[in-house]
Amino acid sequence: MSAQGRCNCGKFAFEVPPLQGIAICHCKPCTRAGGSIGSFNAVIPADGITFTKGSLKELGNYQDTETSSGNPMARHFCASCGSAIISIPKDSPIGFFKVSSLDDAQAYIGRDRKPDQVIFQSRAPDFVKKLDWGEGVKTASEG
């Protein structure tokens, strides 16, 4: 199922394709970008986001070079309101789309779906570390 979303100020609107997976990340750049304890990401093709207002080239971006893999990641956001939209690792076929920017995130991911992966769990707050994600959820202390 595809879904629609936008940044907070409405300068950018977009549609994303069906998700390939869900990853929750607790690395420092994701917690900063998300303004919370982590980032809730849909894994989609790197070129999968379709803009209905604005374009990827018009988004603000920076190259995050402090990644655990050493592979730079382009982090794209609305320069007007600061909404994080998508992060794309260099030379990668996938992107990490910020689920929080969707109009109806629950319809997109499903009510009962668990994440496929929890990354940098060792950096999460203690109450998150104690969560039982259940079978099939990969957790990684580091990236």
N, C-alpha and C. Protein backbone atom coordinates (compact mmCIF):
# COMPACT_ATOMS: atom_id res chain seq x y z
N MET A 1 0.84 -1.17 0.00
CA MET A 1 0.00 0.00 0.00
C MET A 1 0.89 1.24 0.00
N SER A 2 0.61 2.16 -0.88
CA SER A 2 1.34 3.42 -0.87
C SER A 2 0.66 4.35 0.13
N ALA A 3 1.32 5.46 0.44
CA ALA A 3 0.78 6.40 1.41
C ALA A 3 1.23 7.81 1.07
N GLN A 4 0.47 8.78 1.56
CA GLN A 4 0.80 10.19 1.34
C GLN A 4 1.27 10.82 2.64
N GLY A 5 2.11 11.84 2.49
CA GLY A 5 2.59 12.58 3.65
C GLY A 5 3.05 13.96 3.24
N ARG A 6 3.53 14.68 4.23
CA ARG A 6 4.02 16.04 3.97
C ARG A 6 4.89 16.49 5.14
N CYS A 7 5.59 17.59 4.91
CA CYS A 7 6.33 18.20 6.01
C CYS A 7 5.34 19.02 6.84
N ASN A 8 5.76 19.52 7.98
CA ASN A 8 4.86 20.27 8.86
C ASN A 8 4.30 21.53 8.23
N CYS A 9 5.10 22.25 7.46
CA CYS A 9 4.63 23.52 6.90
C CYS A 9 3.88 23.34 5.58
N GLY A 10 3.92 22.15 4.99
CA GLY A 10 3.20 21.89 3.75
C GLY A 10 3.94 22.27 2.48
N LYS A 11 5.18 22.72 2.60
CA LYS A 11 5.96 23.09 1.42
C LYS A 11 6.24 21.87 0.55
N PHE A 12 6.36 20.71 1.17
CA PHE A 12 6.62 19.46 0.46
C PHE A 12 5.52 18.45 0.76
N ALA A 13 5.06 17.78 -0.28
CA ALA A 13 4.09 16.69 -0.14
C ALA A 13 4.58 15.56 -1.02
N PHE A 14 4.26 14.34 -0.64
CA PHE A 14 4.84 13.20 -1.35
C PHE A 14 4.00 11.95 -1.17
N GLU A 15 4.33 10.96 -1.97
CA GLU A 15 3.74 9.63 -1.87
C GLU A 15 4.89 8.65 -1.78
N VAL A 16 4.74 7.65 -0.94
CA VAL A 16 5.77 6.62 -0.80
C VAL A 16 5.18 5.27 -1.18
N PRO A 17 6.02 4.39 -1.74
CA PRO A 17 5.56 3.07 -2.16
C PRO A 17 5.36 2.15 -0.95
N PRO A 18 4.83 0.96 -1.18
CA PRO A 18 4.71 0.00 -0.07
C PRO A 18 6.06 -0.21 0.60
N LEU A 19 6.03 -0.34 1.92
CA LEU A 19 7.28 -0.49 2.65
C LEU A 19 7.89 -1.85 2.45
N GLN A 20 9.22 -1.89 2.53
CA GLN A 20 9.96 -3.15 2.44
C GLN A 20 10.33 -3.66 3.82
N GLY A 21 10.21 -2.81 4.82
CA GLY A 21 10.54 -3.19 6.18
C GLY A 21 10.41 -1.98 7.09
N ILE A 22 10.50 -2.24 8.39
CA ILE A 22 10.44 -1.17 9.39
C ILE A 22 11.68 -1.27 10.26
N ALA A 23 12.34 -0.13 10.44
CA ALA A 23 13.53 -0.09 11.29
C ALA A 23 13.39 1.06 12.28
N ILE A 24 13.61 0.76 13.54
CA ILE A 24 13.67 1.79 14.57
C ILE A 24 15.14 1.98 14.89
N CYS A 25 15.61 3.21 14.82
CA CYS A 25 17.03 3.48 15.04
C CYS A 25 17.22 4.43 16.21
N HIS A 26 18.18 4.08 17.06
CA HIS A 26 18.50 4.90 18.24
C HIS A 26 19.88 5.54 18.14
N CYS A 27 20.44 5.65 16.92
CA CYS A 27 21.73 6.33 16.79
C CYS A 27 21.53 7.82 17.09
N LYS A 28 22.59 8.50 17.41
CA LYS A 28 22.49 9.91 17.79
C LYS A 28 21.90 10.79 16.68
N PRO A 29 22.35 10.66 15.41
CA PRO A 29 21.73 11.50 14.37
C PRO A 29 20.22 11.26 14.22
N CYS A 30 19.77 10.01 14.35
CA CYS A 30 18.34 9.73 14.23
C CYS A 30 17.56 10.29 15.42
N THR A 31 18.13 10.21 16.62
CA THR A 31 17.42 10.77 17.77
C THR A 31 17.35 12.29 17.67
N ARG A 32 18.40 12.90 17.17
CA ARG A 32 18.37 14.36 16.98
C ARG A 32 17.34 14.75 15.92
N ALA A 33 17.37 14.04 14.79
CA ALA A 33 16.44 14.37 13.69
C ALA A 33 15.00 14.12 14.09
N GLY A 34 14.78 13.07 14.87
CA GLY A 34 13.43 12.74 15.28
C GLY A 34 12.94 13.53 16.48
N GLY A 35 13.86 14.18 17.17
CA GLY A 35 13.48 14.95 18.35
C GLY A 35 12.91 14.06 19.45
N SER A 36 13.34 12.81 19.48
CA SER A 36 12.79 11.87 20.43
C SER A 36 13.85 10.82 20.78
N ILE A 37 13.40 9.65 21.20
CA ILE A 37 14.32 8.59 21.62
C ILE A 37 14.83 7.76 20.45
N GLY A 38 14.37 8.06 19.26
CA GLY A 38 14.82 7.33 18.08
C GLY A 38 14.04 7.77 16.86
N SER A 39 14.22 7.04 15.80
CA SER A 39 13.56 7.36 14.54
C SER A 39 12.83 6.12 14.05
N PHE A 40 11.57 6.28 13.68
CA PHE A 40 10.74 5.21 13.17
C PHE A 40 10.76 5.30 11.65
N ASN A 41 11.42 4.35 11.00
CA ASN A 41 11.69 4.44 9.57
C ASN A 41 11.03 3.31 8.79
N ALA A 42 10.48 3.66 7.64
CA ALA A 42 10.04 2.66 6.66
C ALA A 42 11.18 2.49 5.68
N VAL A 43 11.53 1.26 5.41
CA VAL A 43 12.57 0.98 4.43
C VAL A 43 11.88 0.93 3.06
N ILE A 44 12.31 1.81 2.16
CA ILE A 44 11.73 1.89 0.82
C ILE A 44 12.86 1.99 -0.20
N PRO A 45 12.58 1.80 -1.49
CA PRO A 45 13.63 2.04 -2.48
C PRO A 45 14.13 3.48 -2.38
N ALA A 46 15.42 3.68 -2.55
CA ALA A 46 16.01 5.01 -2.42
C ALA A 46 15.36 6.02 -3.34
N ASP A 47 14.91 5.57 -4.50
CA ASP A 47 14.26 6.48 -5.45
C ASP A 47 12.74 6.33 -5.42
N GLY A 48 12.20 5.75 -4.35
CA GLY A 48 10.78 5.43 -4.28
C GLY A 48 9.85 6.56 -3.89
N ILE A 49 10.36 7.64 -3.34
CA ILE A 49 9.51 8.74 -2.91
C ILE A 49 9.13 9.59 -4.13
N THR A 50 7.83 9.85 -4.30
CA THR A 50 7.34 10.67 -5.40
C THR A 50 6.78 11.96 -4.82
N PHE A 51 7.33 13.07 -5.23
CA PHE A 51 6.88 14.35 -4.71
C PHE A 51 5.69 14.87 -5.51
N THR A 52 4.63 15.27 -4.80
CA THR A 52 3.47 15.90 -5.42
C THR A 52 3.53 17.41 -5.23
N LYS A 53 4.41 17.84 -4.36
CA LYS A 53 4.68 19.26 -4.14
C LYS A 53 6.14 19.37 -3.73
N GLY A 54 6.92 20.16 -4.46
CA GLY A 54 8.35 20.25 -4.21
C GLY A 54 9.06 19.06 -4.83
N SER A 55 10.35 18.93 -4.53
CA SER A 55 11.14 17.82 -5.07
C SER A 55 12.27 17.48 -4.10
N LEU A 56 12.85 16.31 -4.30
CA LEU A 56 13.98 15.89 -3.46
C LEU A 56 15.11 16.90 -3.54
N LYS A 57 15.37 17.42 -4.73
CA LYS A 57 16.46 18.37 -4.92
C LYS A 57 16.22 19.68 -4.18
N GLU A 58 14.96 20.01 -3.91
CA GLU A 58 14.64 21.25 -3.20
C GLU A 58 14.73 21.11 -1.69
N LEU A 59 14.76 19.88 -1.20
CA LEU A 59 14.88 19.67 0.25
C LEU A 59 16.26 20.10 0.73
N GLY A 60 16.34 20.54 1.97
CA GLY A 60 17.64 20.75 2.59
C GLY A 60 18.26 19.38 2.81
N ASN A 61 19.57 19.30 2.84
CA ASN A 61 20.22 18.02 3.11
C ASN A 61 21.63 18.24 3.60
N TYR A 62 22.16 17.23 4.21
CA TYR A 62 23.56 17.24 4.60
C TYR A 62 24.07 15.82 4.55
N GLN A 63 25.37 15.68 4.40
CA GLN A 63 26.00 14.36 4.37
C GLN A 63 26.44 14.01 5.79
N ASP A 64 25.81 13.01 6.35
CA ASP A 64 26.19 12.52 7.67
C ASP A 64 27.35 11.55 7.47
N THR A 65 28.52 11.93 7.95
CA THR A 65 29.70 11.09 7.80
C THR A 65 30.05 10.34 9.09
N GLU A 66 29.24 10.53 10.12
CA GLU A 66 29.48 9.86 11.40
C GLU A 66 28.61 8.62 11.53
N THR A 67 28.58 7.80 10.49
CA THR A 67 27.78 6.58 10.52
C THR A 67 28.63 5.42 11.02
N SER A 68 27.99 4.41 11.58
CA SER A 68 28.74 3.27 12.11
C SER A 68 29.45 2.49 11.00
N SER A 69 28.88 2.50 9.80
CA SER A 69 29.49 1.77 8.69
C SER A 69 30.61 2.56 8.02
N GLY A 70 30.64 3.86 8.28
CA GLY A 70 31.59 4.72 7.60
C GLY A 70 31.09 5.17 6.24
N ASN A 71 29.94 4.65 5.81
CA ASN A 71 29.33 5.03 4.55
C ASN A 71 28.49 6.28 4.77
N PRO A 72 28.78 7.39 4.08
CA PRO A 72 28.00 8.61 4.28
C PRO A 72 26.51 8.40 3.98
N MET A 73 25.69 9.15 4.70
CA MET A 73 24.25 9.09 4.50
C MET A 73 23.73 10.49 4.25
N ALA A 74 22.98 10.66 3.17
CA ALA A 74 22.35 11.96 2.88
C ALA A 74 21.06 12.03 3.68
N ARG A 75 20.97 13.02 4.54
CA ARG A 75 19.77 13.21 5.36
C ARG A 75 19.01 14.41 4.80
N HIS A 76 17.79 14.16 4.32
CA HIS A 76 16.98 15.18 3.64
C HIS A 76 15.87 15.66 4.57
N PHE A 77 15.62 16.97 4.55
CA PHE A 77 14.64 17.58 5.45
C PHE A 77 14.09 18.86 4.82
N CYS A 78 12.95 19.33 5.31
CA CYS A 78 12.41 20.61 4.86
C CYS A 78 13.19 21.72 5.55
N ALA A 79 13.80 22.58 4.76
CA ALA A 79 14.60 23.67 5.33
C ALA A 79 13.72 24.75 5.95
N SER A 80 12.43 24.77 5.63
CA SER A 80 11.53 25.77 6.20
C SER A 80 11.05 25.39 7.59
N CYS A 81 10.61 24.13 7.77
CA CYS A 81 10.05 23.74 9.07
C CYS A 81 10.91 22.72 9.82
N GLY A 82 11.91 22.15 9.16
CA GLY A 82 12.81 21.22 9.81
C GLY A 82 12.37 19.76 9.82
N SER A 83 11.22 19.45 9.22
CA SER A 83 10.75 18.06 9.21
C SER A 83 11.74 17.15 8.49
N ALA A 84 12.16 16.09 9.17
CA ALA A 84 13.01 15.08 8.53
C ALA A 84 12.12 14.26 7.61
N ILE A 85 12.62 13.97 6.39
CA ILE A 85 11.82 13.25 5.40
C ILE A 85 12.41 11.88 5.09
N ILE A 86 13.65 11.84 4.61
CA ILE A 86 14.25 10.58 4.20
C ILE A 86 15.76 10.65 4.34
N SER A 87 16.36 9.53 4.71
CA SER A 87 17.82 9.40 4.78
C SER A 87 18.23 8.31 3.80
N ILE A 88 19.24 8.61 2.98
CA ILE A 88 19.66 7.67 1.94
C ILE A 88 21.17 7.44 2.05
N PRO A 89 21.58 6.22 2.39
CA PRO A 89 23.01 5.91 2.42
C PRO A 89 23.61 6.02 1.02
N LYS A 90 24.86 6.47 0.95
CA LYS A 90 25.54 6.61 -0.34
C LYS A 90 25.59 5.26 -1.06
N ASP A 91 25.28 5.30 -2.36
CA ASP A 91 25.33 4.11 -3.22
C ASP A 91 24.45 2.97 -2.72
N SER A 92 23.35 3.29 -2.07
CA SER A 92 22.47 2.26 -1.54
C SER A 92 21.16 2.21 -2.34
N PRO A 93 20.60 1.03 -2.52
CA PRO A 93 19.32 0.92 -3.21
C PRO A 93 18.12 1.23 -2.30
N ILE A 94 18.37 1.40 -0.99
CA ILE A 94 17.27 1.66 -0.06
C ILE A 94 17.42 3.03 0.60
N GLY A 95 16.28 3.52 1.08
CA GLY A 95 16.25 4.75 1.86
C GLY A 95 15.45 4.49 3.12
N PHE A 96 15.65 5.33 4.12
CA PHE A 96 14.93 5.23 5.38
C PHE A 96 13.99 6.42 5.48
N PHE A 97 12.73 6.17 5.18
CA PHE A 97 11.71 7.21 5.15
C PHE A 97 11.14 7.41 6.55
N LYS A 98 11.00 8.65 6.97
CA LYS A 98 10.51 8.96 8.32
C LYS A 98 8.99 8.79 8.38
N VAL A 99 8.53 7.72 9.01
CA VAL A 99 7.11 7.38 9.08
C VAL A 99 6.30 8.51 9.71
N SER A 100 6.89 9.28 10.60
CA SER A 100 6.17 10.35 11.29
C SER A 100 5.64 11.42 10.34
N SER A 101 6.14 11.48 9.12
CA SER A 101 5.67 12.50 8.19
C SER A 101 4.47 12.05 7.35
N LEU A 102 3.97 10.85 7.59
CA LEU A 102 2.81 10.36 6.84
C LEU A 102 1.51 10.88 7.42
N ASP A 103 0.52 11.04 6.55
CA ASP A 103 -0.80 11.49 7.00
C ASP A 103 -1.47 10.42 7.85
N ASP A 104 -1.30 9.15 7.51
CA ASP A 104 -1.90 8.06 8.27
C ASP A 104 -0.89 6.92 8.39
N ALA A 105 0.03 7.07 9.30
CA ALA A 105 1.11 6.08 9.46
C ALA A 105 0.57 4.71 9.84
N GLN A 106 -0.44 4.67 10.67
CA GLN A 106 -0.96 3.38 11.12
C GLN A 106 -1.55 2.58 9.96
N ALA A 107 -2.25 3.24 9.05
CA ALA A 107 -2.79 2.54 7.88
C ALA A 107 -1.67 2.01 7.00
N TYR A 108 -0.57 2.74 6.93
CA TYR A 108 0.56 2.36 6.08
C TYR A 108 1.30 1.14 6.62
N ILE A 109 1.58 1.15 7.91
CA ILE A 109 2.38 0.06 8.47
C ILE A 109 1.53 -1.08 9.03
N GLY A 110 0.29 -0.81 9.35
CA GLY A 110 -0.57 -1.84 9.94
C GLY A 110 -0.62 -1.69 11.45
N ARG A 111 -1.75 -1.97 12.01
CA ARG A 111 -1.97 -1.77 13.45
C ARG A 111 -1.06 -2.64 14.32
N ASP A 112 -0.86 -3.87 13.95
CA ASP A 112 -0.14 -4.81 14.82
C ASP A 112 1.26 -5.13 14.36
N ARG A 113 1.73 -4.49 13.33
CA ARG A 113 3.05 -4.82 12.80
C ARG A 113 4.15 -4.35 13.74
N LYS A 114 5.09 -5.23 13.97
CA LYS A 114 6.26 -4.90 14.78
C LYS A 114 7.39 -4.49 13.85
N PRO A 115 8.40 -3.81 14.37
CA PRO A 115 9.54 -3.47 13.52
C PRO A 115 10.27 -4.74 13.10
N ASP A 116 10.91 -4.67 11.95
CA ASP A 116 11.74 -5.78 11.50
C ASP A 116 13.11 -5.72 12.15
N GLN A 117 13.51 -4.51 12.53
CA GLN A 117 14.85 -4.31 13.07
C GLN A 117 14.86 -3.13 14.04
N VAL A 118 15.58 -3.29 15.14
CA VAL A 118 15.82 -2.21 16.09
C VAL A 118 17.33 -2.03 16.13
N ILE A 119 17.79 -0.86 15.71
CA ILE A 119 19.22 -0.60 15.55
C ILE A 119 19.72 0.31 16.68
N PHE A 120 20.93 0.06 17.13
CA PHE A 120 21.55 0.81 18.23
C PHE A 120 20.70 0.73 19.49
N GLN A 121 20.18 -0.46 19.77
CA GLN A 121 19.34 -0.64 20.95
C GLN A 121 20.11 -0.31 22.23
N SER A 122 21.42 -0.50 22.23
CA SER A 122 22.21 -0.21 23.43
C SER A 122 22.18 1.28 23.77
N ARG A 123 21.85 2.12 22.81
CA ARG A 123 21.81 3.57 23.05
C ARG A 123 20.41 4.07 23.42
N ALA A 124 19.44 3.17 23.39
CA ALA A 124 18.06 3.54 23.72
C ALA A 124 17.92 3.73 25.23
N PRO A 125 16.91 4.48 25.67
CA PRO A 125 16.65 4.58 27.11
C PRO A 125 16.37 3.20 27.69
N ASP A 126 16.62 3.05 28.98
CA ASP A 126 16.47 1.75 29.63
C ASP A 126 15.08 1.14 29.44
N PHE A 127 14.02 1.95 29.49
CA PHE A 127 12.69 1.37 29.36
C PHE A 127 12.46 0.78 27.97
N VAL A 128 13.14 1.30 26.97
CA VAL A 128 13.04 0.75 25.61
C VAL A 128 13.84 -0.54 25.51
N LYS A 129 15.00 -0.57 26.15
CA LYS A 129 15.82 -1.79 26.13
C LYS A 129 15.08 -2.98 26.73
N LYS A 130 14.16 -2.73 27.65
CA LYS A 130 13.43 -3.80 28.33
C LYS A 130 12.24 -4.32 27.52
N LEU A 131 11.90 -3.65 26.43
CA LEU A 131 10.76 -4.10 25.63
C LEU A 131 11.04 -5.44 24.98
N ASP A 132 10.04 -6.29 25.00
CA ASP A 132 10.15 -7.59 24.33
C ASP A 132 9.53 -7.41 22.95
N TRP A 133 10.37 -7.35 21.94
CA TRP A 133 9.89 -7.12 20.58
C TRP A 133 9.27 -8.38 19.99
N GLY A 134 9.49 -9.52 20.61
CA GLY A 134 8.93 -10.77 20.10
C GLY A 134 9.85 -11.43 19.10
N GLU A 135 9.41 -12.58 18.63
CA GLU A 135 10.20 -13.35 17.67
C GLU A 135 10.26 -12.66 16.32
N GLY A 136 11.38 -12.83 15.65
CA GLY A 136 11.53 -12.32 14.30
C GLY A 136 12.04 -10.91 14.20
N VAL A 137 12.16 -10.21 15.33
CA VAL A 137 12.66 -8.83 15.29
C VAL A 137 14.16 -8.86 15.58
N LYS A 138 14.94 -8.39 14.62
CA LYS A 138 16.39 -8.34 14.80
C LYS A 138 16.74 -7.12 15.63
N THR A 139 17.58 -7.31 16.62
CA THR A 139 18.07 -6.17 17.39
C THR A 139 19.58 -6.14 17.27
N ALA A 140 20.10 -4.94 17.23
CA ALA A 140 21.54 -4.77 17.12
C ALA A 140 21.97 -3.73 18.14
N SER A 141 22.93 -4.10 19.00
CA SER A 141 23.44 -3.14 19.98
C SER A 141 24.01 -1.93 19.28
N GLU A 142 24.71 -2.20 18.19
CA GLU A 142 25.28 -1.13 17.37
C GLU A 142 24.71 -1.30 15.97
N GLY A 143 25.10 -0.39 15.05
CA GLY A 143 24.53 -0.39 13.69
C GLY A 143 24.89 -1.52 12.82
